[in-house]
Amino acid sequence: MPAEVNRPKKAGGRGRGRRTERTPIVASTGVCAAQLALHGDGTHLVSRDMAIETMRQTGLDMMTKYKETSEGGLAVNVTVC
């Protein structure tokens, strides 16, 4: 008999395996981010105000239908309910 294949368990029709696979990756990313933050001397190349202004400009450049998930993207093209 072949060894059991490690497949995600189903819960209400949805796979749970991905969450358990992502958890170590997310934890590792958090540790790396903390190490980078603690390694620095506290100076920043990009100011908070510059980052916020850049995000504001990006938001203004985006098409409205992509700003609200109910108006564009998967919400329009895929109906699950």
Protein backbone atom coordinates (compact mmCIF):
# COMPACT_ATOMS: atom_id res chain seq x y z
CA MET A 1 0.00 0.00 0.00
CA PRO A 2 1.50 3.40 -0.96
CA ALA A 3 2.27 5.96 1.73
CA GLU A 4 -0.57 8.32 2.48
CA VAL A 5 -0.41 11.50 0.41
CA ASN A 6 -0.35 14.68 2.49
CA ARG A 7 -3.45 16.45 1.20
CA PRO A 8 -5.22 19.41 2.80
CA LYS A 9 -8.18 18.35 4.93
CA LYS A 10 -11.55 19.60 3.81
CA ALA A 11 -13.69 21.72 6.13
CA GLY A 12 -17.00 22.70 4.63
CA GLY A 13 -15.60 22.23 1.13
CA ARG A 14 -12.58 24.46 1.69
CA GLY A 15 -9.01 23.25 2.04
CA ARG A 16 -7.24 23.98 5.32
CA GLY A 17 -3.78 22.89 4.24
CA ARG A 18 -2.64 26.21 2.86
CA ARG A 19 -2.97 27.95 6.23
CA THR A 20 -0.69 25.46 7.96
CA GLU A 21 1.82 25.74 5.11
CA ARG A 22 1.86 29.55 5.30
CA THR A 23 2.24 29.85 9.07
CA PRO A 24 6.00 29.02 9.17
CA ILE A 25 6.63 31.31 6.20
CA VAL A 26 4.80 34.20 7.87
CA ALA A 27 6.67 33.61 11.12
CA SER A 28 9.99 33.56 9.29
CA THR A 29 9.11 36.79 7.47
CA GLY A 30 8.28 38.44 10.80
CA VAL A 31 11.59 37.35 12.33
CA CYS A 32 13.51 38.67 9.31
CA ALA A 33 11.66 42.00 9.48
CA ALA A 34 12.44 42.33 13.19
CA GLN A 35 16.11 41.53 12.59
CA LEU A 36 16.31 44.16 9.86
CA ALA A 37 14.62 46.75 12.06
CA LEU A 38 16.90 46.04 15.01
CA HIS A 39 20.01 46.04 12.81
CA GLY A 40 19.51 49.63 11.67
CA ASP A 41 20.45 52.81 13.50
CA GLY A 42 16.96 54.33 13.42
CA THR A 43 17.45 56.60 10.41
CA HIS A 44 15.10 56.27 7.46
CA LEU A 45 15.79 56.92 3.79
CA VAL A 46 12.10 57.50 3.10
CA SER A 47 10.15 59.68 5.50
CA ARG A 48 6.71 58.67 6.73
CA ASP A 49 5.18 61.71 5.03
CA MET A 50 6.82 60.79 1.71
CA ALA A 51 5.49 57.21 1.96
CA ILE A 52 1.97 58.42 2.77
CA GLU A 53 2.02 60.93 -0.10
CA THR A 54 3.17 58.20 -2.49
CA MET A 55 0.31 55.92 -1.36
CA ARG A 56 -2.15 58.82 -1.80
CA GLN A 57 -0.92 59.45 -5.36
CA THR A 58 -1.15 55.73 -6.15
CA GLY A 59 -4.74 55.69 -4.88
CA LEU A 60 -5.62 58.67 -7.07
CA ASP A 61 -4.12 56.94 -10.12
CA MET A 62 -6.10 53.71 -9.56
CA MET A 63 -9.34 53.17 -11.40
CA THR A 64 -12.34 53.46 -9.07
CA LYS A 65 -13.64 49.98 -9.84
CA TYR A 66 -10.45 48.46 -8.41
CA LYS A 67 -10.62 50.42 -5.16
CA GLU A 68 -13.80 48.65 -3.98
CA THR A 69 -13.77 44.87 -4.13
CA SER A 70 -17.52 44.82 -4.78
CA GLU A 71 -17.15 46.84 -7.99
CA GLY A 72 -14.35 45.05 -9.83
CA GLY A 73 -11.95 42.15 -9.97
CA LEU A 74 -13.03 38.75 -8.70
CA ALA A 75 -16.19 40.12 -7.07
CA VAL A 76 -17.57 40.88 -10.52
CA ASN A 77 -16.26 37.87 -12.41
CA VAL A 78 -16.67 35.05 -9.89
CA THR A 79 -19.92 34.41 -8.03
CA VAL A 80 -19.54 31.86 -5.25
CA CYS A 81 -22.75 32.49 -3.33
